[in-house]
Structure formats: C-alpha cells, structure tokens
Amino acid sequence: MMSSIRTIVAVLAVGASLILPAAAVSAPQKLTLKLGGQYCNFYLDDVTKALMGVPGVRHVSYNKAQDQVTVQGDAATLKESSVIRTIDGVKGSSWFCKAHPMH
C-alpha cells in the first residue's frame, strides 16, 4: 500500500513538471558594458543602486581597470536597452555616466 502511494506521488510530480510553463525558470543572462562619462567611476555606488531597480537585475560588478560594468540577471526580463538607459540617467551637478554596448 505504501509503495503504491509513493508511486502515485512520483507520477504526479513528474506530470506536474511537464505541464509547468518553461518561462517560469529563466536562464541567467550576463551583460558587459563599457562605462564612460565625466567622473562616473567615482559614483559607482549610485550606478549600482540605479541598476538594482532595473527589472531582472540580480548582480552588478565592475572592472575598474577597463571601465566596464557587468550586470547579471534573469534573461526573460533583463534588457540591455533598459540597463543602458538607466546608466545614462545616473548623473549629478558636475558628473554623469554613459554606457556603451561592447558588441
């Protein structure tokens, strides 16, 4: 009796996994962009805060030696155009940031 209950539960679990939409689990995406602008490298905390508000962004890291930012996140929602627009919007009274695609 216990073995047939385990079998039924296993069959139900496999069946449920087959009918769940594939989009529910999205592959990670990684974007690397060139950073520019005036004094942008002094305001990377501001850039990070702005990027963490972009849909799909999970992690932000920098290569300061090459003036690059790498953004990792959910491929279904993370869009390069949104990341660039967000970085380009980070600015102060005497500084600003610009992002450039690297393809």
C-alpha atoms as a PDB file:
ATOM      1  CA  MET A   1       0.000   0.000   0.000  1.00  0.00           C
ATOM      2  CA  MET A   2       2.760   2.480   0.969  1.00  0.00           C
ATOM      3  CA  SER A   3       4.720   1.651  -2.169  1.00  0.00           C
ATOM      4  CA  SER A   4       1.733   2.374  -4.438  1.00  0.00           C
ATOM      5  CA  ILE A   5       1.200   5.747  -2.718  1.00  0.00           C
ATOM      6  CA  ARG A   6       4.858   6.633  -3.351  1.00  0.00           C
ATOM      7  CA  THR A   7       4.464   5.603  -6.986  1.00  0.00           C
ATOM      8  CA  ILE A   8       1.352   7.771  -7.412  1.00  0.00           C
ATOM      9  CA  VAL A   9       3.089  10.762  -5.789  1.00  0.00           C
ATOM     10  CA  ALA A  10       6.132  10.310  -8.049  1.00  0.00           C
ATOM     11  CA  VAL A  11       3.951  10.103 -11.174  1.00  0.00           C
ATOM     12  CA  LEU A  12       2.043  13.235 -10.144  1.00  0.00           C
ATOM     13  CA  ALA A  13       5.305  15.125  -9.524  1.00  0.00           C
ATOM     14  CA  VAL A  14       6.695  14.174 -12.934  1.00  0.00           C
ATOM     15  CA  GLY A  15       3.418  15.063 -14.648  1.00  0.00           C
ATOM     16  CA  ALA A  16       3.278  18.453 -12.930  1.00  0.00           C
ATOM     17  CA  SER A  17       6.813  19.264 -14.020  1.00  0.00           C
ATOM     18  CA  LEU A  18       5.886  18.531 -17.626  1.00  0.00           C
ATOM     19  CA  ILE A  19       2.929  20.919 -17.701  1.00  0.00           C
ATOM     20  CA  LEU A  20       4.534  23.866 -15.907  1.00  0.00           C
ATOM     21  CA  PRO A  21       5.491  26.672 -18.306  1.00  0.00           C
ATOM     22  CA  ALA A  22       9.154  26.757 -19.297  1.00  0.00           C
ATOM     23  CA  ALA A  23       9.274  30.545 -18.764  1.00  0.00           C
ATOM     24  CA  ALA A  24       8.815  30.020 -15.026  1.00  0.00           C
ATOM     25  CA  VAL A  25      12.528  29.194 -14.798  1.00  0.00           C
ATOM     26  CA  SER A  26      14.579  31.533 -16.929  1.00  0.00           C
ATOM     27  CA  ALA A  27      18.231  31.157 -17.768  1.00  0.00           C
ATOM     28  CA  PRO A  28      20.626  33.754 -16.389  1.00  0.00           C
ATOM     29  CA  GLN A  29      21.906  36.484 -18.651  1.00  0.00           C
ATOM     30  CA  LYS A  30      25.167  38.430 -18.409  1.00  0.00           C
ATOM     31  CA  LEU A  31      25.670  41.870 -19.980  1.00  0.00           C
ATOM     32  CA  THR A  32      29.016  43.668 -20.043  1.00  0.00           C
ATOM     33  CA  LEU A  33      29.071  47.344 -20.996  1.00  0.00           C
ATOM     34  CA  LYS A  34      31.783  49.977 -21.322  1.00  0.00           C
ATOM     35  CA  LEU A  35      31.365  52.846 -18.864  1.00  0.00           C
ATOM     36  CA  GLY A  36      32.160  56.421 -19.738  1.00  0.00           C
ATOM     37  CA  GLY A  37      31.132  59.896 -18.772  1.00  0.00           C
ATOM     38  CA  GLN A  38      32.602  62.530 -16.531  1.00  0.00           C
ATOM     39  CA  TYR A  39      33.788  61.191 -13.140  1.00  0.00           C
ATOM     40  CA  CYS A  40      31.409  58.221 -13.405  1.00  0.00           C
ATOM     41  CA  ASN A  41      33.948  55.880 -11.796  1.00  0.00           C
ATOM     42  CA  PHE A  42      33.655  57.909  -8.554  1.00  0.00           C
ATOM     43  CA  TYR A  43      29.892  57.256  -8.371  1.00  0.00           C
ATOM     44  CA  LEU A  44      29.650  53.502  -8.898  1.00  0.00           C
ATOM     45  CA  ASP A  45      27.500  53.122  -5.756  1.00  0.00           C
ATOM     46  CA  ASP A  46      24.908  55.388  -7.409  1.00  0.00           C
ATOM     47  CA  VAL A  47      25.122  53.330 -10.600  1.00  0.00           C
ATOM     48  CA  THR A  48      24.670  50.107  -8.630  1.00  0.00           C
ATOM     49  CA  LYS A  49      21.622  51.463  -6.772  1.00  0.00           C
ATOM     50  CA  ALA A  50      20.029  52.524 -10.048  1.00  0.00           C
ATOM     51  CA  LEU A  51      20.781  49.205 -11.759  1.00  0.00           C
ATOM     52  CA  MET A  52      19.322  47.144  -8.916  1.00  0.00           C
ATOM     53  CA  GLY A  53      15.989  48.826  -9.719  1.00  0.00           C
ATOM     54  CA  VAL A  54      16.016  47.551 -13.323  1.00  0.00           C
ATOM     55  CA  PRO A  55      13.703  44.546 -13.832  1.00  0.00           C
ATOM     56  CA  GLY A  56      15.672  41.309 -13.958  1.00  0.00           C
ATOM     57  CA  VAL A  57      18.935  42.625 -12.468  1.00  0.00           C
ATOM     58  CA  ARG A  58      20.322  40.313  -9.781  1.00  0.00           C
ATOM     59  CA  HIS A  59      24.013  41.276  -9.519  1.00  0.00           C
ATOM     60  CA  VAL A  60      26.271  44.172 -10.590  1.00  0.00           C
ATOM     61  CA  SER A  61      30.089  44.099 -10.692  1.00  0.00           C
ATOM     62  CA  TYR A  62      32.803  46.358 -12.081  1.00  0.00           C
ATOM     63  CA  ASN A  63      36.172  46.041 -13.763  1.00  0.00           C
ATOM     64  CA  LYS A  64      37.541  49.482 -12.904  1.00  0.00           C
ATOM     65  CA  ALA A  65      40.783  48.952 -14.821  1.00  0.00           C
ATOM     66  CA  GLN A  66      38.833  48.532 -18.073  1.00  0.00           C
ATOM     67  CA  ASP A  67      35.908  50.851 -17.193  1.00  0.00           C
ATOM     68  CA  GLN A  68      33.388  48.027 -17.543  1.00  0.00           C
ATOM     69  CA  VAL A  69      30.232  47.053 -15.710  1.00  0.00           C
ATOM     70  CA  THR A  70      28.818  43.532 -15.760  1.00  0.00           C
ATOM     71  CA  VAL A  71      25.154  43.022 -14.987  1.00  0.00           C
ATOM     72  CA  GLN A  72      23.760  39.562 -14.344  1.00  0.00           C
ATOM     73  CA  GLY A  73      20.125  38.650 -14.109  1.00  0.00           C
ATOM     74  CA  ASP A  74      17.059  36.953 -15.463  1.00  0.00           C
ATOM     75  CA  ALA A  75      17.217  36.570 -19.261  1.00  0.00           C
ATOM     76  CA  ALA A  76      13.423  36.781 -19.570  1.00  0.00           C
ATOM     77  CA  THR A  77      13.265  40.314 -18.158  1.00  0.00           C
ATOM     78  CA  LEU A  78      16.791  41.782 -18.315  1.00  0.00           C
ATOM     79  CA  LYS A  79      17.107  44.030 -21.373  1.00  0.00           C
ATOM     80  CA  GLU A  80      20.329  45.708 -22.495  1.00  0.00           C
ATOM     81  CA  SER A  81      18.427  48.831 -23.586  1.00  0.00           C
ATOM     82  CA  SER A  82      16.968  49.256 -20.077  1.00  0.00           C
ATOM     83  CA  VAL A  83      20.396  48.845 -18.471  1.00  0.00           C
ATOM     84  CA  ILE A  84      21.970  51.431 -20.823  1.00  0.00           C
ATOM     85  CA  ARG A  85      19.095  53.896 -20.318  1.00  0.00           C
ATOM     86  CA  THR A  86      19.411  53.521 -16.543  1.00  0.00           C
ATOM     87  CA  ILE A  87      23.189  54.078 -16.505  1.00  0.00           C
ATOM     88  CA  ASP A  88      22.832  57.083 -18.821  1.00  0.00           C
ATOM     89  CA  GLY A  89      20.336  58.538 -16.342  1.00  0.00           C
ATOM     90  CA  VAL A  90      22.771  58.435 -13.402  1.00  0.00           C
ATOM     91  CA  LYS A  91      24.197  61.943 -13.011  1.00  0.00           C
ATOM     92  CA  GLY A  92      24.859  64.784 -10.640  1.00  0.00           C
ATOM     93  CA  SER A  93      25.502  68.510 -10.980  1.00  0.00           C
ATOM     94  CA  SER A  94      29.075  68.089 -12.274  1.00  0.00           C
ATOM     95  CA  TRP A  95      29.265  64.406 -13.259  1.00  0.00           C
ATOM     96  CA  PHE A  96      27.431  61.869 -15.432  1.00  0.00           C
ATOM     97  CA  CYS A  97      27.666  58.277 -16.600  1.00  0.00           C
ATOM     98  CA  LYS A  98      27.336  56.773 -20.079  1.00  0.00           C
ATOM     99  CA  ALA A  99      27.099  53.120 -21.063  1.00  0.00           C
ATOM    100  CA  HIS A 100      28.236  51.710 -24.394  1.00  0.00           C
ATOM    101  CA  PRO A 101      27.499  48.212 -25.765  1.00  0.00           C
ATOM    102  CA  MET A 102      30.552  46.043 -26.348  1.00  0.00           C
ATOM    103  CA  HIS A 103      29.413  44.014 -29.369  1.00  0.00           C
END
